Amino acid sequence: MSEKTVKLIYFAWVRERIGTGQEEVSLPAEVESVRDLLLWLRERGEGYGDALKYPEAIRVAINQEHVGHHEPLAGAREIALFPPMTGG
């Protein structure tokens, strides 16, 4: 499987820590699931590492549909990362 380019969108403090609201990235072939993506992004630099220190807490949407961390990235054009919901 070759590299796949996707649009990543970051919200709230995830965006603030990474330092951008969105970017296009080429995913390596071994990044096949949401979990793989979060772990791969965490290694891209200090801001990413800070934002994704606890990847299990990050909520994710693929093509504007919320998904779990075991969801495959096949067919993904847009992936959004959100911090956990707060308040009540």
PDB file of N, CA and C in Angstrom:
ATOM      1  N   MET A   1       0.847  -1.183   0.000  1.00  0.00           N
ATOM      2  CA  MET A   1       0.000   0.000   0.000  1.00  0.00           C
ATOM      3  C   MET A   1       0.892   1.246   0.000  1.00  0.00           C
ATOM      4  N   SER A   2       0.589   2.190  -0.839  1.00  0.00           N
ATOM      5  CA  SER A   2       1.408   3.401  -0.931  1.00  0.00           C
ATOM      6  C   SER A   2       0.904   4.464   0.046  1.00  0.00           C
ATOM      7  N   GLU A   3       1.659   5.558   0.134  1.00  0.00           N
ATOM      8  CA  GLU A   3       1.260   6.648   1.020  1.00  0.00           C
ATOM      9  C   GLU A   3      -0.054   7.250   0.556  1.00  0.00           C
ATOM     10  N   LYS A   4      -0.822   7.713   1.519  1.00  0.00           N
ATOM     11  CA  LYS A   4      -2.130   8.308   1.247  1.00  0.00           C
ATOM     12  C   LYS A   4      -2.141   9.710   1.846  1.00  0.00           C
ATOM     13  N   THR A   5      -2.613  10.682   1.086  1.00  0.00           N
ATOM     14  CA  THR A   5      -2.697  12.053   1.582  1.00  0.00           C
ATOM     15  C   THR A   5      -4.091  12.301   2.134  1.00  0.00           C
ATOM     16  N   VAL A   6      -4.140  12.845   3.363  1.00  0.00           N
ATOM     17  CA  VAL A   6      -5.410  13.177   4.004  1.00  0.00           C
ATOM     18  C   VAL A   6      -5.321  14.578   4.583  1.00  0.00           C
ATOM     19  N   LYS A   7      -6.475  15.181   4.772  1.00  0.00           N
ATOM     20  CA  LYS A   7      -6.568  16.486   5.418  1.00  0.00           C
ATOM     21  C   LYS A   7      -6.843  16.249   6.895  1.00  0.00           C
ATOM     22  N   LEU A   8      -5.999  16.812   7.752  1.00  0.00           N
ATOM     23  CA  LEU A   8      -6.197  16.730   9.194  1.00  0.00           C
ATOM     24  C   LEU A   8      -6.689  18.081   9.694  1.00  0.00           C
ATOM     25  N   ILE A   9      -7.704  18.052  10.546  1.00  0.00           N
ATOM     26  CA  ILE A   9      -8.261  19.267  11.130  1.00  0.00           C
ATOM     27  C   ILE A   9      -8.188  19.120  12.644  1.00  0.00           C
ATOM     28  N   TYR A  10      -7.670  20.168  13.300  1.00  0.00           N
ATOM     29  CA  TYR A  10      -7.481  20.129  14.756  1.00  0.00           C
ATOM     30  C   TYR A  10      -8.388  21.176  15.410  1.00  0.00           C
ATOM     31  N   PHE A  11      -8.999  20.814  16.551  1.00  0.00           N
ATOM     32  CA  PHE A  11      -9.910  21.703  17.242  1.00  0.00           C
ATOM     33  C   PHE A  11      -9.437  22.007  18.662  1.00  0.00           C
ATOM     34  N   ALA A  12      -9.842  23.196  19.155  1.00  0.00           N
ATOM     35  CA  ALA A  12      -9.646  23.646  20.542  1.00  0.00           C
ATOM     36  C   ALA A  12      -8.187  23.534  20.962  1.00  0.00           C
ATOM     37  N   TRP A  13      -7.914  22.971  22.148  1.00  0.00           N
ATOM     38  CA  TRP A  13      -6.529  22.965  22.622  1.00  0.00           C
ATOM     39  C   TRP A  13      -5.632  22.028  21.830  1.00  0.00           C
ATOM     40  N   VAL A  14      -6.197  21.082  21.096  1.00  0.00           N
ATOM     41  CA  VAL A  14      -5.364  20.260  20.203  1.00  0.00           C
ATOM     42  C   VAL A  14      -4.746  21.183  19.152  1.00  0.00           C
ATOM     43  N   ARG A  15      -5.559  22.054  18.567  1.00  0.00           N
ATOM     44  CA  ARG A  15      -5.085  23.027  17.567  1.00  0.00           C
ATOM     45  C   ARG A  15      -4.043  23.956  18.180  1.00  0.00           C
ATOM     46  N   GLU A  16      -4.323  24.457  19.371  1.00  0.00           N
ATOM     47  CA  GLU A  16      -3.406  25.395  20.024  1.00  0.00           C
ATOM     48  C   GLU A  16      -2.038  24.767  20.273  1.00  0.00           C
ATOM     49  N   ARG A  17      -2.015  23.543  20.723  1.00  0.00           N
ATOM     50  CA  ARG A  17      -0.734  22.889  21.035  1.00  0.00           C
ATOM     51  C   ARG A  17       0.030  22.503  19.776  1.00  0.00           C
ATOM     52  N   ILE A  18      -0.675  22.061  18.746  1.00  0.00           N
ATOM     53  CA  ILE A  18       0.006  21.683  17.501  1.00  0.00           C
ATOM     54  C   ILE A  18       0.456  22.925  16.747  1.00  0.00           C
ATOM     55  N   GLY A  19      -0.334  24.001  16.856  1.00  0.00           N
ATOM     56  CA  GLY A  19       0.064  25.263  16.238  1.00  0.00           C
ATOM     57  C   GLY A  19      -0.532  25.519  14.869  1.00  0.00           C
ATOM     58  N   THR A  20      -1.493  24.710  14.464  1.00  0.00           N
ATOM     59  CA  THR A  20      -2.179  24.930  13.188  1.00  0.00           C
ATOM     60  C   THR A  20      -3.583  24.347  13.283  1.00  0.00           C
ATOM     61  N   GLY A  21      -4.505  24.899  12.493  1.00  0.00           N
ATOM     62  CA  GLY A  21      -5.881  24.409  12.495  1.00  0.00           C
ATOM     63  C   GLY A  21      -6.090  23.234  11.566  1.00  0.00           C
ATOM     64  N   GLN A  22      -5.254  23.147  10.534  1.00  0.00           N
ATOM     65  CA  GLN A  22      -5.379  22.028   9.599  1.00  0.00           C
ATOM     66  C   GLN A  22      -4.117  21.893   8.768  1.00  0.00           C
ATOM     67  N   GLU A  23      -3.955  20.706   8.216  1.00  0.00           N
ATOM     68  CA  GLU A  23      -2.813  20.441   7.348  1.00  0.00           C
ATOM     69  C   GLU A  23      -3.114  19.215   6.499  1.00  0.00           C
ATOM     70  N   GLU A  24      -2.404  19.097   5.406  1.00  0.00           N
ATOM     71  CA  GLU A  24      -2.471  17.903   4.572  1.00  0.00           C
ATOM     72  C   GLU A  24      -1.216  17.105   4.847  1.00  0.00           C
ATOM     73  N   VAL A  25      -1.371  15.823   5.104  1.00  0.00           N
ATOM     74  CA  VAL A  25      -0.219  14.971   5.374  1.00  0.00           C
ATOM     75  C   VAL A  25      -0.294  13.714   4.521  1.00  0.00           C
ATOM     76  N   SER A  26       0.870  13.181   4.217  1.00  0.00           N
ATOM     77  CA  SER A  26       0.970  11.883   3.552  1.00  0.00           C
ATOM     78  C   SER A  26       1.227  10.842   4.626  1.00  0.00           C
ATOM     79  N   LEU A  27       0.304   9.931   4.765  1.00  0.00           N
ATOM     80  CA  LEU A  27       0.414   8.913   5.799  1.00  0.00           C
ATOM     81  C   LEU A  27       1.249   7.741   5.298  1.00  0.00           C
ATOM     82  N   PRO A  28       2.195   7.279   6.098  1.00  0.00           N
ATOM     83  CA  PRO A  28       2.949   6.077   5.722  1.00  0.00           C
ATOM     84  C   PRO A  28       2.010   4.872   5.649  1.00  0.00           C
ATOM     85  N   ALA A  29       2.376   3.887   4.885  1.00  0.00           N
ATOM     86  CA  ALA A  29       1.537   2.698   4.692  1.00  0.00           C
ATOM     87  C   ALA A  29       1.194   2.004   6.000  1.00  0.00           C
ATOM     88  N   GLU A  30       2.091   2.063   6.989  1.00  0.00           N
ATOM     89  CA  GLU A  30       1.832   1.354   8.248  1.00  0.00           C
ATOM     90  C   GLU A  30       0.800   2.050   9.129  1.00  0.00           C
ATOM     91  N   VAL A  31       0.386   3.267   8.791  1.00  0.00           N
ATOM     92  CA  VAL A  31      -0.644   3.976   9.554  1.00  0.00           C
ATOM     93  C   VAL A  31      -1.992   3.570   8.962  1.00  0.00           C
ATOM     94  N   GLU A  32      -2.614   2.563   9.607  1.00  0.00           N
ATOM     95  CA  GLU A  32      -3.828   1.968   9.048  1.00  0.00           C
ATOM     96  C   GLU A  32      -5.092   2.263   9.845  1.00  0.00           C
ATOM     97  N   SER A  33      -4.939   2.656  11.125  1.00  0.00           N
ATOM     98  CA  SER A  33      -6.114   2.890  11.975  1.00  0.00           C
ATOM     99  C   SER A  33      -5.999   4.253  12.646  1.00  0.00           C
ATOM    100  N   VAL A  34      -7.077   4.666  13.284  1.00  0.00           N
ATOM    101  CA  VAL A  34      -7.063   5.926  14.035  1.00  0.00           C
ATOM    102  C   VAL A  34      -5.962   5.878  15.094  1.00  0.00           C
ATOM    103  N   ARG A  35      -5.855   4.779  15.815  1.00  0.00           N
ATOM    104  CA  ARG A  35      -4.825   4.648  16.853  1.00  0.00           C
ATOM    105  C   ARG A  35      -3.431   4.812  16.250  1.00  0.00           C
ATOM    106  N   ASP A  36      -3.186   4.146  15.110  1.00  0.00           N
ATOM    107  CA  ASP A  36      -1.889   4.276  14.426  1.00  0.00           C
ATOM    108  C   ASP A  36      -1.607   5.736  14.089  1.00  0.00           C
ATOM    109  N   LEU A  37      -2.624   6.441  13.611  1.00  0.00           N
ATOM    110  CA  LEU A  37      -2.473   7.848  13.240  1.00  0.00           C
ATOM    111  C   LEU A  37      -2.074   8.690  14.449  1.00  0.00           C
ATOM    112  N   LEU A  38      -2.772   8.510  15.557  1.00  0.00           N
ATOM    113  CA  LEU A  38      -2.477   9.301  16.749  1.00  0.00           C
ATOM    114  C   LEU A  38      -1.058   9.043  17.252  1.00  0.00           C
ATOM    115  N   LEU A  39      -0.633   7.803  17.237  1.00  0.00           N
ATOM    116  CA  LEU A  39       0.729   7.483  17.680  1.00  0.00           C
ATOM    117  C   LEU A  39       1.766   8.035  16.712  1.00  0.00           C
ATOM    118  N   TRP A  40       1.485   7.979  15.411  1.00  0.00           N
ATOM    119  CA  TRP A  40       2.405   8.516  14.400  1.00  0.00           C
ATOM    120  C   TRP A  40       2.503  10.039  14.522  1.00  0.00           C
ATOM    121  N   LEU A  41       1.374  10.709  14.683  1.00  0.00           N
ATOM    122  CA  LEU A  41       1.380  12.168  14.826  1.00  0.00           C
ATOM    123  C   LEU A  41       2.155  12.601  16.066  1.00  0.00           C
ATOM    124  N   ARG A  42       2.015  11.849  17.131  1.00  0.00           N
ATOM    125  CA  ARG A  42       2.673  12.193  18.391  1.00  0.00           C
ATOM    126  C   ARG A  42       4.191  12.301  18.232  1.00  0.00           C
ATOM    127  N   GLU A  43       4.742  11.584  17.265  1.00  0.00           N
ATOM    128  CA  GLU A  43       6.191  11.589  17.038  1.00  0.00           C
ATOM    129  C   GLU A  43       6.651  12.702  16.101  1.00  0.00           C
ATOM    130  N   ARG A  44       5.753  13.530  15.602  1.00  0.00           N
ATOM    131  CA  ARG A  44       6.105  14.552  14.605  1.00  0.00           C
ATOM    132  C   ARG A  44       6.715  15.814  15.185  1.00  0.00           C
ATOM    133  N   GLY A  45       6.733  15.966  16.487  1.00  0.00           N
ATOM    134  CA  GLY A  45       7.332  17.151  17.092  1.00  0.00           C
ATOM    135  C   GLY A  45       6.758  17.418  18.464  1.00  0.00           C
ATOM    136  N   GLU A  46       7.338  18.412  19.127  1.00  0.00           N
ATOM    137  CA  GLU A  46       6.983  18.713  20.506  1.00  0.00           C
ATOM    138  C   GLU A  46       5.503  19.090  20.668  1.00  0.00           C
ATOM    139  N   GLY A  47       4.982  19.954  19.787  1.00  0.00           N
ATOM    140  CA  GLY A  47       3.579  20.358  19.880  1.00  0.00           C
ATOM    141  C   GLY A  47       2.640  19.179  19.710  1.00  0.00           C
ATOM    142  N   TYR A  48       2.958  18.308  18.764  1.00  0.00           N
ATOM    143  CA  TYR A  48       2.137  17.114  18.543  1.00  0.00           C
ATOM    144  C   TYR A  48       2.212  16.201  19.763  1.00  0.00           C
ATOM    145  N   GLY A  49       3.421  16.027  20.281  1.00  0.00           N
ATOM    146  CA  GLY A  49       3.601  15.176  21.453  1.00  0.00           C
ATOM    147  C   GLY A  49       2.822  15.679  22.648  1.00  0.00           C
ATOM    148  N   ASP A  50       2.810  17.002  22.817  1.00  0.00           N
ATOM    149  CA  ASP A  50       2.067  17.609  23.917  1.00  0.00           C
ATOM    150  C   ASP A  50       0.567  17.430  23.723  1.00  0.00           C
ATOM    151  N   ALA A  51       0.088  17.690  22.514  1.00  0.00           N
ATOM    152  CA  ALA A  51      -1.351  17.589  22.230  1.00  0.00           C
ATOM    153  C   ALA A  51      -1.850  16.150  22.324  1.00  0.00           C
ATOM    154  N   LEU A  52      -0.995  15.198  21.960  1.00  0.00           N
ATOM    155  CA  LEU A  52      -1.421  13.798  21.875  1.00  0.00           C
ATOM    156  C   LEU A  52      -0.754  12.926  22.927  1.00  0.00           C
ATOM    157  N   LYS A  53      -0.373  13.543  24.033  1.00  0.00           N
ATOM    158  CA  LYS A  53       0.290  12.828  25.129  1.00  0.00           C
ATOM    159  C   LYS A  53      -0.565  11.661  25.610  1.00  0.00           C
ATOM    160  N   TYR A  54      -1.874  11.869  25.634  1.00  0.00           N
ATOM    161  CA  TYR A  54      -2.818  10.827  26.046  1.00  0.00           C
ATOM    162  C   TYR A  54      -3.761  10.554  24.869  1.00  0.00           C
ATOM    163  N   PRO A  55      -3.292   9.797  23.873  1.00  0.00           N
ATOM    164  CA  PRO A  55      -4.084   9.623  22.647  1.00  0.00           C
ATOM    165  C   PRO A  55      -5.464   9.019  22.888  1.00  0.00           C
ATOM    166  N   GLU A  56      -5.607   8.208  23.938  1.00  0.00           N
ATOM    167  CA  GLU A  56      -6.905   7.582  24.204  1.00  0.00           C
ATOM    168  C   GLU A  56      -7.971   8.605  24.562  1.00  0.00           C
ATOM    169  N   ALA A  57      -7.559   9.817  24.955  1.00  0.00           N
ATOM    170  CA  ALA A  57      -8.520  10.863  25.324  1.00  0.00           C
ATOM    171  C   ALA A  57      -9.010  11.665  24.114  1.00  0.00           C
ATOM    172  N   ILE A  58      -8.346  11.533  22.984  1.00  0.00           N
ATOM    173  CA  ILE A  58      -8.692  12.320  21.801  1.00  0.00           C
ATOM    174  C   ILE A  58      -9.880  11.695  21.080  1.00  0.00           C
ATOM    175  N   ARG A  59     -10.839  12.532  20.727  1.00  0.00           N
ATOM    176  CA  ARG A  59     -11.980  12.089  19.921  1.00  0.00           C
ATOM    177  C   ARG A  59     -11.657  12.346  18.455  1.00  0.00           C
ATOM    178  N   VAL A  60     -12.141  11.486  17.579  1.00  0.00           N
ATOM    179  CA  VAL A  60     -11.774  11.558  16.165  1.00  0.00           C
ATOM    180  C   VAL A  60     -13.013  11.397  15.290  1.00  0.00           C
ATOM    181  N   ALA A  61     -13.023  12.161  14.190  1.00  0.00           N
ATOM    182  CA  ALA A  61     -14.068  11.998  13.172  1.00  0.00           C
ATOM    183  C   ALA A  61     -13.379  11.772  11.834  1.00  0.00           C
ATOM    184  N   ILE A  62     -13.870  10.803  11.091  1.00  0.00           N
ATOM    185  CA  ILE A  62     -13.390  10.548   9.732  1.00  0.00           C
ATOM    186  C   ILE A  62     -14.510  10.934   8.788  1.00  0.00           C
ATOM    187  N   ASN A  63     -14.196  11.810   7.832  1.00  0.00           N
ATOM    188  CA  ASN A  63     -15.204  12.289   6.875  1.00  0.00           C
ATOM    189  C   ASN A  63     -16.465  12.763   7.605  1.00  0.00           C
ATOM    190  N   GLN A  64     -16.260  13.500   8.709  1.00  0.00           N
ATOM    191  CA  GLN A  64     -17.307  14.135   9.513  1.00  0.00           C
ATOM    192  C   GLN A  64     -18.211  13.151  10.256  1.00  0.00           C
ATOM    193  N   GLU A  65     -17.680  11.954  10.536  1.00  0.00           N
ATOM    194  CA  GLU A  65     -18.430  10.967  11.303  1.00  0.00           C
ATOM    195  C   GLU A  65     -17.547  10.466  12.439  1.00  0.00           C
ATOM    196  N   HIS A  66     -18.031  10.609  13.692  1.00  0.00           N
ATOM    197  CA  HIS A  66     -17.228  10.183  14.845  1.00  0.00           C
ATOM    198  C   HIS A  66     -16.985   8.682  14.796  1.00  0.00           C
ATOM    199  N   VAL A  67     -15.737   8.307  15.119  1.00  0.00           N
ATOM    200  CA  VAL A  67     -15.335   6.901  15.049  1.00  0.00           C
ATOM    201  C   VAL A  67     -14.499   6.543  16.273  1.00  0.00           C
ATOM    202  N   GLY A  68     -14.345   5.251  16.493  1.00  0.00           N
ATOM    203  CA  GLY A  68     -13.486   4.753  17.566  1.00  0.00           C
ATOM    204  C   GLY A  68     -12.037   4.670  17.098  1.00  0.00           C
ATOM    205  N   HIS A  69     -11.150   4.410  18.032  1.00  0.00           N
ATOM    206  CA  HIS A  69      -9.724   4.397  17.729  1.00  0.00           C
ATOM    207  C   HIS A  69      -9.268   3.172  16.941  1.00  0.00           C
ATOM    208  N   HIS A  70     -10.115   2.147  16.834  1.00  0.00           N
ATOM    209  CA  HIS A  70      -9.747   0.969  16.047  1.00  0.00           C
ATOM    210  C   HIS A  70     -10.243   1.070  14.607  1.00  0.00           C
ATOM    211  N   GLU A  71     -10.917   2.159  14.299  1.00  0.00           N
ATOM    212  CA  GLU A  71     -11.479   2.367  12.956  1.00  0.00           C
ATOM    213  C   GLU A  71     -10.352   2.444  11.923  1.00  0.00           C
ATOM    214  N   PRO A  72     -10.474   1.709  10.814  1.00  0.00           N
ATOM    215  CA  PRO A  72      -9.460   1.823   9.761  1.00  0.00           C
ATOM    216  C   PRO A  72      -9.555   3.169   9.048  1.00  0.00           C
ATOM    217  N   LEU A  73      -8.438   3.626   8.508  1.00  0.00           N
ATOM    218  CA  LEU A  73      -8.388   4.903   7.801  1.00  0.00           C
ATOM    219  C   LEU A  73      -8.711   4.772   6.313  1.00  0.00           C
ATOM    220  N   ALA A  74      -8.936   3.566   5.842  1.00  0.00           N
ATOM    221  CA  ALA A  74      -9.256   3.362   4.431  1.00  0.00           C
ATOM    222  C   ALA A  74     -10.459   4.229   4.057  1.00  0.00           C
ATOM    223  N   GLY A  75     -10.346   4.972   2.978  1.00  0.00           N
ATOM    224  CA  GLY A  75     -11.432   5.834   2.522  1.00  0.00           C
ATOM    225  C   GLY A  75     -11.465   7.206   3.176  1.00  0.00           C
ATOM    226  N   ALA A  76     -10.571   7.452   4.133  1.00  0.00           N
ATOM    227  CA  ALA A  76     -10.554   8.748   4.823  1.00  0.00           C
ATOM    228  C   ALA A  76      -9.997   9.827   3.908  1.00  0.00           C
ATOM    229  N   ARG A  77     -10.732  10.928   3.792  1.00  0.00           N
ATOM    230  CA  ARG A  77     -10.251  12.111   3.072  1.00  0.00           C
ATOM    231  C   ARG A  77      -9.970  13.233   4.063  1.00  0.00           C
ATOM    232  N   GLU A  78     -10.763  13.243   5.138  1.00  0.00           N
ATOM    233  CA  GLU A  78     -10.651  14.280   6.157  1.00  0.00           C
ATOM    234  C   GLU A  78     -10.746  13.624   7.534  1.00  0.00           C
ATOM    235  N   ILE A  79      -9.778  13.955   8.401  1.00  0.00           N
ATOM    236  CA  ILE A  79      -9.765  13.407   9.752  1.00  0.00           C
ATOM    237  C   ILE A  79      -9.672  14.573  10.726  1.00  0.00           C
ATOM    238  N   ALA A  80     -10.628  14.646  11.640  1.00  0.00           N
ATOM    239  CA  ALA A  80     -10.666  15.732  12.626  1.00  0.00           C
ATOM    240  C   ALA A  80     -10.334  15.173  14.005  1.00  0.00           C
ATOM    241  N   LEU A  81      -9.520  15.929  14.758  1.00  0.00           N
ATOM    242  CA  LEU A  81      -9.133  15.550  16.110  1.00  0.00           C
ATOM    243  C   LEU A  81      -9.684  16.571  17.090  1.00  0.00           C
ATOM    244  N   PHE A  82     -10.384  16.078  18.119  1.00  0.00           N
ATOM    245  CA  PHE A  82     -11.033  16.917  19.116  1.00  0.00           C
ATOM    246  C   PHE A  82     -10.529  16.543  20.511  1.00  0.00           C
ATOM    247  N   PRO A  83     -10.457  17.518  21.418  1.00  0.00           N
ATOM    248  CA  PRO A  83     -10.184  17.163  22.811  1.00  0.00           C
ATOM    249  C   PRO A  83     -11.431  16.520  23.402  1.00  0.00           C
ATOM    250  N   PRO A  84     -11.287  15.877  24.574  1.00  0.00           N
ATOM    251  CA  PRO A  84     -12.474  15.287  25.201  1.00  0.00           C
ATOM    252  C   PRO A  84     -13.492  16.373  25.559  1.00  0.00           C
ATOM    253  N   MET A  85     -14.748  15.988  25.605  1.00  0.00           N
ATOM    254  CA  MET A  85     -15.806  16.919  25.991  1.00  0.00           C
ATOM    255  C   MET A  85     -15.656  17.243  27.475  1.00  0.00           C
ATOM    256  N   THR A  86     -15.928  18.487  27.812  1.00  0.00           N
ATOM    257  CA  THR A  86     -15.886  18.893  29.211  1.00  0.00           C
ATOM    258  C   THR A  86     -17.179  19.595  29.556  1.00  0.00           C
ATOM    259  N   GLY A  87     -17.372  19.848  30.802  1.00  0.00           N
ATOM    260  CA  GLY A  87     -18.588  20.541  31.226  1.00  0.00           C
ATOM    261  C   GLY A  87     -19.641  19.546  31.644  1.00  0.00           C
ATOM    262  N   GLY A  88     -20.847  20.058  31.823  1.00  0.00           N
ATOM    263  CA  GLY A  88     -21.891  19.143  32.228  1.00  0.00           C
ATOM    264  C   GLY A  88     -23.165  19.834  32.541  1.00  0.00           C
TER     265      GLY A  88
END
